[in-house]
Structures are given as structure tokens and as C-alpha cells.
Amino acid sequence: TAQDSVEDPLTTNISFNGEHFSKNHVTISFTRYITITNTSQETLMFLTSLEPTLTTSRGYGYTEAVRMQANKKGEFIVADTNNPQEQLVITVK
């Protein structure tokens, strides 16, 4: 299939609606970018990950986003701090 959620060939965009990520798994190429944007007007986005650039230090409001350049190959898991079962798995190849 085509690359998930791509509008810009260098960036994969994922949204978080306050309860769920728009995708639960994405694969991106080494040195490309991933952006996770809060699309909820009611809920702050709190993310946790072993990858520090994907962890929010505070609640991110409506339209705020985290962005990471994939400078390491491997698998990275991002979880909703308020609901840890809601996860996004990012595979960097």
C-alpha cells in the first residue's frame, strides 16, 4: 500500500483526537519526519515515549504538535499518557 498519512513526501502526519491516534502503526524512511498533532479542542495531548523528542513535557493544546526527524532506525512506541493502551508504533527503516 501507499505510505500512510503522507501529504508531504518528507513528513508523515498523525493526528490525535483526544482519545485515539489516526493510525496505530506507520513506517517511515530514515531521515524523514513524523508529526503528531492534537486535533481535539477539548482534550490536551500528553504523550510518553522512550524517544524523548516524542514525549510531551506538558499538555499540548488544539493544533499543537510534536515533530521528530527519524535519525535512528528501529521501532518507537508513543503512548497517550492518560490512556497507555492507546499507542502509535513508528517503524524507521
Protein backbone atom coordinates (compact mmCIF):
# COMPACT_ATOMS: atom_id res chain seq x y z
CA THR A 1 0.00 0.00 0.00
CA ALA A 2 0.98 3.63 -0.27
CA GLN A 3 2.73 5.27 2.66
CA ASP A 4 0.27 6.05 5.46
CA SER A 5 -0.94 9.62 6.02
CA VAL A 6 1.52 11.35 3.69
CA GLU A 7 0.82 14.74 2.16
CA ASP A 8 4.45 15.90 2.05
CA PRO A 9 6.88 13.19 0.89
CA LEU A 10 9.27 14.08 3.74
CA THR A 11 6.69 14.14 6.56
CA THR A 12 4.19 11.61 7.88
CA ASN A 13 1.34 13.37 9.70
CA ILE A 14 -0.59 11.68 12.50
CA SER A 15 -3.45 13.27 14.39
CA PHE A 16 -4.56 12.64 17.98
CA ASN A 17 -8.24 13.37 18.61
CA GLY A 18 -8.08 13.27 22.40
CA GLU A 19 -8.75 9.53 22.52
CA HIS A 20 -7.09 7.87 19.53
CA PHE A 21 -4.23 8.29 17.08
CA SER A 22 -5.30 8.43 13.41
CA LYS A 23 -3.05 5.40 12.79
CA ASN A 24 -1.71 2.78 15.18
CA HIS A 25 1.34 1.93 13.07
CA VAL A 26 3.38 3.84 10.50
CA THR A 27 6.61 3.07 8.69
CA ILE A 28 8.83 5.95 7.70
CA SER A 29 12.19 6.17 5.99
CA PHE A 30 15.40 7.08 7.77
CA THR A 31 15.90 10.89 7.96
CA ARG A 32 12.21 11.60 7.24
CA TYR A 33 9.89 13.36 9.70
CA ILE A 34 6.82 12.43 11.71
CA THR A 35 4.42 14.98 13.18
CA ILE A 36 1.74 14.19 15.77
CA THR A 37 -0.86 16.94 16.04
CA ASN A 38 -3.60 17.38 18.65
CA THR A 39 -6.92 17.80 16.81
CA SER A 40 -9.07 17.85 19.96
CA GLN A 41 -10.44 21.19 21.09
CA GLU A 42 -11.41 19.71 24.47
CA THR A 43 -8.52 17.44 25.48
CA LEU A 44 -4.84 18.22 25.98
CA MET A 45 -2.40 15.80 24.35
CA PHE A 46 0.03 14.19 26.81
CA LEU A 47 2.42 11.74 25.11
CA THR A 48 5.05 9.44 26.54
CA SER A 49 7.80 7.55 24.73
CA LEU A 50 11.28 6.20 25.32
CA GLU A 51 12.24 8.57 22.48
CA PRO A 52 12.49 11.98 24.23
CA THR A 53 11.51 14.02 21.17
CA LEU A 54 8.14 12.21 21.09
CA THR A 55 7.34 12.89 24.77
CA THR A 56 5.40 16.00 25.71
CA SER A 57 6.63 17.92 28.75
CA ARG A 58 3.16 19.43 29.20
CA GLY A 59 -0.31 19.08 27.75
CA TYR A 60 -0.37 20.15 24.11
CA GLY A 61 -3.48 22.08 23.12
CA TYR A 62 -5.55 22.14 19.95
CA THR A 63 -3.32 22.26 16.81
CA GLU A 64 -0.06 21.94 18.80
CA ALA A 65 2.27 19.20 17.58
CA VAL A 66 5.41 17.23 18.29
CA ARG A 67 7.78 16.60 15.41
CA MET A 68 10.69 14.19 15.14
CA GLN A 69 13.26 13.57 12.46
CA ALA A 70 13.96 9.85 12.17
CA ASN A 71 17.69 9.85 12.85
CA LYS A 72 17.69 6.36 14.37
CA LYS A 73 16.43 3.16 12.77
CA GLY A 74 14.19 0.90 14.79
CA GLU A 75 10.77 0.82 16.39
CA PHE A 76 9.44 3.60 18.61
CA ILE A 77 6.26 3.46 20.67
CA VAL A 78 4.30 6.58 21.59
CA ALA A 79 1.51 6.25 24.15
CA ASP A 80 -1.26 8.51 25.37
CA THR A 81 -0.22 9.24 28.98
CA ASN A 82 -3.88 9.31 30.09
CA ASN A 83 -4.69 6.01 28.31
CA PRO A 84 -1.46 3.98 27.89
CA GLN A 85 -3.24 1.28 25.86
CA GLU A 86 -3.66 3.84 23.05
CA GLN A 87 -0.35 3.59 21.21
CA LEU A 88 1.30 4.57 17.98
CA VAL A 89 4.14 2.36 16.74
CA ILE A 90 6.64 4.10 14.46
CA THR A 91 8.99 1.92 12.44
CA VAL A 92 12.00 3.70 10.96
CA LYS A 93 13.71 1.86 8.09
